[in-house]
Structures are given as structure tokens and as C-alpha cells.
Protein backbone atom coordinates (compact mmCIF):
# COMPACT_ATOMS: atom_id res chain seq x y z
CA MET A 1 22.52 -0.26 -1.04
CA LYS A 2 22.37 -3.97 -2.15
CA ARG A 3 21.97 -6.68 0.63
CA ALA A 4 22.58 -10.16 0.93
CA TYR A 5 18.96 -10.62 2.44
CA PRO A 6 15.62 -9.32 1.60
CA ILE A 7 14.48 -6.44 4.37
CA ILE A 8 11.08 -7.35 5.81
CA ASP A 9 8.70 -4.25 6.57
CA THR A 10 6.53 -5.17 9.53
CA TRP A 11 4.01 -2.38 9.16
CA MET A 12 2.62 -1.21 5.72
CA GLN A 13 -0.73 -1.09 4.14
CA HIS A 14 -1.75 -0.94 0.59
CA PRO A 15 -4.68 1.90 0.86
CA THR A 16 -8.02 2.07 -0.33
CA MET A 17 -9.43 5.29 -1.20
CA ARG A 18 -11.83 5.38 1.90
CA PHE A 19 -8.62 4.61 3.80
CA ILE A 20 -6.03 6.90 2.66
CA ASN A 21 -8.68 9.87 2.46
CA GLN A 22 -10.08 9.60 5.71
CA PRO A 23 -10.50 13.06 7.50
CA MET A 24 -9.02 11.45 10.75
CA PHE A 25 -5.59 11.58 8.73
CA ASP A 26 -5.69 15.31 7.78
CA SER A 27 -3.05 16.03 10.70
CA LEU A 28 -0.65 13.48 8.94
CA ARG A 29 -1.43 15.21 5.64
CA ARG A 30 -0.27 18.37 7.14
CA TRP A 31 3.13 16.78 8.36
CA THR A 32 4.02 15.07 5.13
CA GLY A 33 2.74 17.61 2.72
CA GLY A 34 0.11 14.69 1.50
CA LYS A 35 -3.17 15.64 -0.17
CA LYS A 36 -6.25 13.51 -0.81
CA VAL A 37 -5.88 10.88 -3.36
CA GLU A 38 -8.40 11.11 -6.41
CA ALA A 39 -8.01 7.52 -7.91
CA GLU A 40 -7.16 4.07 -6.47
CA ILE A 41 -3.44 3.38 -5.96
CA PRO A 42 -1.97 0.78 -8.32
CA VAL A 43 -0.61 -2.19 -6.21
CA GLN A 44 2.59 -2.00 -8.65
CA LEU A 45 3.19 1.54 -7.01
CA THR A 46 3.41 -0.12 -3.64
CA ILE A 47 5.75 -2.75 -5.01
CA ASP A 48 8.07 -0.22 -6.78
CA ALA A 49 8.20 1.78 -3.43
CA MET A 50 9.51 -1.38 -1.85
CA ASP A 51 11.90 -2.16 -4.63
CA GLN A 52 13.42 1.24 -4.23
CA ALA A 53 14.55 0.24 -0.88
CA GLY A 54 15.35 -3.26 -1.21
CA VAL A 55 12.28 -4.43 0.73
CA GLY A 56 11.55 -8.02 -0.27
CA ALA A 57 8.46 -8.63 1.77
CA GLY A 58 5.87 -6.42 3.57
CA LEU A 59 3.29 -7.33 6.18
CA ILE A 60 0.45 -5.54 5.00
CA CYS A 61 -2.76 -4.99 7.09
CA ALA A 62 -6.38 -4.81 6.95
CA TRP A 63 -7.93 -1.96 8.81
CA GLU A 64 -11.26 -2.26 10.91
CA GLY A 65 -12.92 0.20 12.75
CA PRO A 66 -16.04 0.85 14.49
CA GLN A 67 -17.68 2.31 11.25
CA GLY A 68 -16.63 -0.80 9.40
CA PRO A 69 -13.64 -1.99 7.28
CA LEU A 70 -11.17 0.85 6.13
CA ILE A 71 -9.28 -1.75 4.58
CA SER A 72 -10.96 -5.34 4.52
CA ASN A 73 -9.35 -8.60 5.18
CA ASP A 74 -10.66 -9.87 1.58
CA GLU A 75 -9.21 -6.79 0.00
CA THR A 76 -5.93 -7.30 1.62
CA ALA A 77 -6.11 -11.30 0.86
CA GLN A 78 -6.56 -10.35 -2.95
CA ILE A 79 -3.37 -8.44 -2.90
CA VAL A 80 -1.34 -11.06 -1.15
CA ALA A 81 -2.77 -13.84 -3.42
CA GLY A 82 -1.67 -11.66 -6.57
CA ASN A 83 1.57 -11.17 -5.01
CA PRO A 84 2.59 -14.19 -2.83
CA SER A 85 6.39 -13.59 -2.97
CA ARG A 86 6.11 -10.13 -1.66
CA PHE A 87 2.91 -9.53 0.74
CA ILE A 88 2.02 -11.56 3.93
CA GLY A 89 -1.43 -10.77 5.14
CA VAL A 90 -2.17 -9.17 8.59
CA ALA A 91 -6.08 -9.39 9.76
CA SER A 92 -8.25 -6.75 11.41
CA VAL A 93 -11.58 -7.38 13.11
CA ASN A 94 -14.60 -5.70 14.71
CA LEU A 95 -13.97 -5.40 18.65
CA TYR A 96 -17.57 -4.85 19.24
CA ARG A 97 -18.39 -8.37 18.13
CA PRO A 98 -16.34 -10.62 19.91
CA MET A 99 -17.16 -13.98 18.50
CA GLU A 100 -17.75 -12.76 15.21
CA ALA A 101 -14.17 -11.47 15.37
CA VAL A 102 -12.62 -14.61 16.62
CA ARG A 103 -14.44 -16.64 13.71
CA GLU A 104 -12.90 -13.94 11.17
CA LEU A 105 -9.54 -14.00 12.87
CA ARG A 106 -9.56 -17.99 12.29
CA ARG A 107 -10.72 -17.75 8.73
CA CYS A 108 -7.88 -15.09 8.03
CA VAL A 109 -5.25 -17.36 9.28
CA ASN A 110 -6.62 -21.00 8.38
CA ASP A 111 -8.15 -19.97 5.04
CA LEU A 112 -6.46 -16.93 4.06
CA GLY A 113 -2.84 -17.70 5.29
CA PHE A 114 -2.61 -14.24 7.29
CA ARG A 115 0.14 -14.38 9.91
CA ALA A 116 -0.86 -11.75 12.35
CA LEU A 117 -3.67 -9.79 13.75
CA ARG A 118 -3.23 -5.88 14.01
CA ILE A 119 -5.54 -3.89 16.16
CA VAL A 120 -5.04 -0.05 16.26
CA GLN A 121 -6.11 1.01 19.70
CA TRP A 122 -6.97 4.69 19.02
CA LEU A 123 -9.40 3.76 16.47
CA TRP A 124 -11.69 2.11 19.03
CA ASN A 125 -10.47 4.60 21.90
CA LEU A 126 -9.83 1.02 23.99
CA PRO A 127 -6.65 0.09 25.40
CA PRO A 128 -5.45 -3.45 25.13
CA THR A 129 -6.58 -4.23 28.88
CA ASP A 130 -10.24 -3.83 27.77
CA ARG A 131 -12.06 -7.31 28.14
CA ARG A 132 -12.69 -7.02 24.21
CA TYR A 133 -9.40 -7.76 23.20
CA TYR A 134 -8.96 -10.95 25.49
CA PRO A 135 -10.84 -13.44 23.30
CA LEU A 136 -8.72 -12.35 20.46
CA PHE A 137 -5.62 -12.63 22.24
CA ALA A 138 -6.35 -16.25 23.35
CA ALA A 139 -7.02 -16.77 19.78
CA CYS A 140 -3.49 -15.56 18.75
CA VAL A 141 -2.01 -17.99 21.24
CA ASP A 142 -3.99 -20.68 19.98
CA LEU A 143 -3.11 -19.92 16.39
CA GLY A 144 0.58 -19.14 17.01
CA ILE A 145 0.54 -15.73 15.55
CA PRO A 146 1.44 -12.26 16.96
CA VAL A 147 -0.86 -9.35 17.67
CA CYS A 148 0.38 -5.86 16.43
CA LEU A 149 -0.57 -3.05 18.50
CA GLN A 150 0.09 0.45 18.37
CA VAL A 151 2.12 2.45 21.13
CA GLY A 152 2.85 6.03 21.63
CA HIS A 153 0.98 9.16 20.71
CA THR A 154 -1.33 9.09 17.76
CA GLY A 155 -0.47 11.22 14.61
CA PRO A 156 -4.31 11.02 13.46
CA LEU A 157 -7.14 13.07 15.25
CA CYS A 158 -7.76 10.71 17.89
CA PRO A 159 -6.85 10.07 21.65
CA SER A 160 -3.43 9.03 22.54
CA GLU A 161 -4.00 7.19 25.97
CA PRO A 162 -4.86 3.76 24.58
CA GLY A 163 -1.08 3.65 23.20
CA ARG A 164 0.51 3.79 26.43
CA PRO A 165 3.07 0.84 27.11
CA ILE A 166 2.61 1.35 30.68
CA PRO A 167 0.20 0.30 32.24
CA TYR A 168 -1.55 -1.37 29.13
CA ILE A 169 1.11 -3.36 27.12
CA ASP A 170 2.83 -4.30 30.45
CA GLU A 171 -0.57 -5.63 31.88
CA ALA A 172 -1.80 -7.43 28.72
CA ALA A 173 1.74 -9.14 28.45
CA LEU A 174 1.21 -10.40 32.30
CA ASP A 175 -2.23 -11.80 31.57
CA PHE A 176 -0.96 -13.49 28.58
CA PRO A 177 2.68 -14.56 28.66
CA GLU A 178 2.50 -16.77 25.67
CA LEU A 179 0.85 -14.11 23.56
CA VAL A 180 3.53 -12.40 21.00
CA ILE A 181 3.11 -8.74 21.24
CA VAL A 182 4.68 -6.47 18.44
CA CYS A 183 4.20 -2.72 19.43
CA GLY A 184 4.35 -0.28 16.34
CA HIS A 185 5.57 3.20 16.10
CA ILE A 186 8.48 3.01 18.79
CA GLY A 187 6.12 4.49 21.75
CA TYR A 188 7.19 7.88 21.78
CA PRO A 189 6.84 10.01 23.89
CA TRP A 190 6.98 6.94 26.27
CA THR A 191 9.66 5.16 24.60
CA THR A 192 11.84 4.30 27.79
CA GLU A 193 8.44 2.70 29.20
CA MET A 194 8.18 0.66 25.98
CA ILE A 195 12.05 -0.53 26.00
CA ALA A 196 11.18 -1.31 29.87
CA VAL A 197 8.29 -3.66 28.98
CA ALA A 198 9.94 -5.17 26.15
CA THR A 199 12.73 -6.20 28.30
CA LYS A 200 10.92 -7.30 30.92
CA HIS A 201 8.52 -9.48 28.64
CA GLU A 202 10.14 -11.93 26.54
CA ASN A 203 7.43 -12.03 23.87
CA VAL A 204 6.99 -8.25 23.57
CA PHE A 205 8.80 -6.62 20.69
CA ILE A 206 8.89 -3.22 19.22
CA ASP A 207 8.74 -2.06 15.60
CA THR A 208 10.14 1.38 14.20
CA SER A 209 7.41 2.14 11.85
CA ALA A 210 6.08 5.72 11.22
CA TYR A 211 9.69 6.86 11.98
CA THR A 212 12.69 7.66 9.86
CA ALA A 213 15.89 6.41 11.14
CA ARG A 214 17.16 9.85 11.79
CA ARG A 215 14.15 10.33 14.06
CA PHE A 216 15.02 7.16 16.48
CA PRO A 217 15.29 8.18 19.96
CA PRO A 218 18.95 7.77 21.21
CA GLU A 219 17.51 5.29 23.91
CA LEU A 220 16.05 3.16 21.33
CA VAL A 221 19.29 3.00 19.42
CA THR A 222 21.13 2.15 22.42
CA TYR A 223 18.83 -0.55 23.08
CA MET A 224 19.20 -1.93 19.63
CA LYS A 225 23.07 -2.11 19.88
CA LYS A 226 22.70 -3.97 23.51
CA ASN A 227 20.26 -6.08 24.89
CA GLY A 228 17.45 -5.23 22.40
CA ARG A 229 19.48 -6.60 19.51
CA LYS A 230 16.77 -9.15 19.06
CA LYS A 231 13.54 -7.09 19.96
CA VAL A 232 13.52 -4.52 17.29
CA LEU A 233 11.80 -4.84 13.69
CA PHE A 234 11.85 -2.62 10.91
CA GLY A 235 8.75 -1.05 9.72
CA THR A 236 7.66 2.21 7.90
CA ASN A 237 3.72 2.55 8.01
CA TYR A 238 3.83 2.79 4.21
CA PRO A 239 2.22 4.92 2.41
CA MET A 240 2.74 7.51 5.13
CA ILE A 241 6.40 6.88 4.77
CA THR A 242 8.25 5.03 2.21
CA ALA A 243 10.98 2.55 3.11
CA SER A 244 13.68 4.85 1.27
CA MET A 245 12.90 7.68 3.39
CA CYS A 246 12.84 5.40 6.54
CA LEU A 247 16.24 3.78 5.73
CA ALA A 248 18.24 7.02 4.14
CA ASP A 249 19.97 7.73 7.36
CA LEU A 250 20.40 4.26 8.78
CA GLY A 251 24.06 4.76 8.68
CA ILE A 252 24.27 7.30 11.22
CA LEU A 253 22.88 5.05 13.78
CA GLY A 254 26.23 2.96 14.12
CA LEU A 255 24.57 -0.35 13.95
CA ASP A 256 27.02 -3.31 13.28
CA ASP A 257 26.32 -5.75 10.32
CA GLU A 258 24.81 -8.54 12.68
CA THR A 259 22.63 -6.08 14.36
CA THR A 260 21.62 -4.31 11.06
CA ARG A 261 20.49 -7.82 9.75
CA LEU A 262 18.64 -8.62 12.96
CA PHE A 263 16.69 -5.29 12.74
CA LEU A 264 15.84 -5.39 9.06
CA HIS A 265 15.40 -9.21 8.53
CA GLU A 266 15.95 -11.75 11.10
CA ASN A 267 13.86 -10.49 13.89
CA ALA A 268 10.86 -10.25 11.82
CA ARG A 269 11.49 -13.70 10.22
CA ARG A 270 11.35 -15.18 13.44
CA VAL A 271 8.79 -13.27 15.38
CA PHE A 272 6.27 -13.71 12.33
CA GLY A 273 7.16 -17.15 11.92
CA LEU A 274 8.30 -16.70 8.14
CA GLU A 275 11.06 -19.30 7.95
CA GLN A 276 9.17 -21.58 5.59
CA HIS A 277 8.45 -18.26 3.20
CA THR A 278 10.71 -19.53 0.01
CA PHE A 279 10.76 -15.87 -1.07
CA LEU A 280 12.95 -14.91 2.12
CA GLU A 281 15.53 -17.60 1.15
CA GLU A 282 18.87 -15.94 0.52
């Protein structure tokens, strides 16, 4: 379907071999029928998948874990530099080295033009109330960028507890009311908790990555239609799910045109501060 505005995908990654073939993703491969990849995936394949669904821009993230980078910030920056009209960089850093992490985040934002920080809590088995997060949260506020966290259970073979919206997202938002927090993966099976936290805190948002529209919990759809119209952002978690798969059943949600535009474009544009990106002009 041709739209008058470009869709913005708030959670995707262009995978390296060491990322996509990680054993911890074996459970996802069982769910999706995917197989281990034998060769590097061309960036054009990711762009083609975006084009098929009308995705104009994607926030692609680096992945840093306790064992090192699965997708490094510089690898991500290289993809962004080669395709500045399509991608926006999202940084990832080492939680175990706080000062190094803060310096790297500042480099990513000030030198590489990245627009957010992503921390995937289950990689570290640390909830976002852990002391290691707080220097980075303060740096995000100073830099004027969101932090993107994961909420809900984990598909990979890692503990789910760090993804609980209550108490962890709630308490982090209380400690850092100026911090913009984008919570990916809906929060299932704690979606109602996630909605409550997003409603309570002005700067807490939800993205729908890792879920197709048909699988959105009913309470989330109701929230999107009412007081959550400006709180929910579209995401895929590509390459786990393509945008075409995520959007195939969007029509069954019964969203009006304004809510659809907010969900697919305007909310991400506002939350990530993308107003000056010329590729988002209509």
C-alpha cells in the first residue's frame, strides 16, 4: 500500500555473521523456521525488505554483550554512512566498563551522528535499575537522545526477569524523569504493566518490534486507539521479522488514519528527534 509518508522502523539491525548465527538465537530459529547463515548478508537485501513494505527509514542498532560486540558501532556507522537516506544509527556499549561506555556513547552521538542508545538487558542479565545503567542514562539526558530497552519475555535462551516493566522501567523512569525510554517488544506477558508505566510517565514509550500486527495484545490495540495514540511506535526486530510480515494484517486493528500515521511515522519522528532529516520530508 502506497502511503503519503515514509514508515519508520524503530528496531532493526543489519546482522553480522557473528550476530545472526549466535547459539542463543536457536530458539528463534525454531519459531521462525530460519537456518544458520553461510555468508554475509548484503545491505541491499535489508533495503529491499524495507522497500517491499514502504519503510523509508530504519533505526539500526549495534549489539554489545559481555563477550564483546556482536554488531559493532563502527560496523553500524559504516552502513549508515553508505545509506544516509535510509538508516539512523543506534549505539550499544559495554555495561561493565562505565566510563569507557559513556565515552563511547558520546563518540557515537557527537562524531557518528547516532540518535539513540540500545541496551538489551537479557544479554547482561541486569535490570535497568542496576547501578551500571545510571551513568549512561545521565549521558542520554545530556545528549538529548532516547535509551531503547527491551521489555517482556525473551525469545533467546536467556532469563526474562530483566525485561519486566514493573518494577524496573517504572523505577528507572522515576529516577530519571527527563530520560526518554523506548521499550521494545510490547512487554508481553506483562503488556498491561507496560501500558500502565507508559501512561504514568510522560517520557516512556512502547515499540511493537518482534510482533506482527495480528499478534498485538487487545489491550495494546485499545491503548493505541485512545490515550496511547502518541505513545506507541512501529518496529520489526528485522531480520527476525520483516516489515511486510509485521504490517500484513494492520488493517484488522481498526486504526483510523491519524492513529496509523502516528504509529508508523510521527511518533518515531518526534521521539527520536528526526525532524531535521530531509529523507523524512513528505
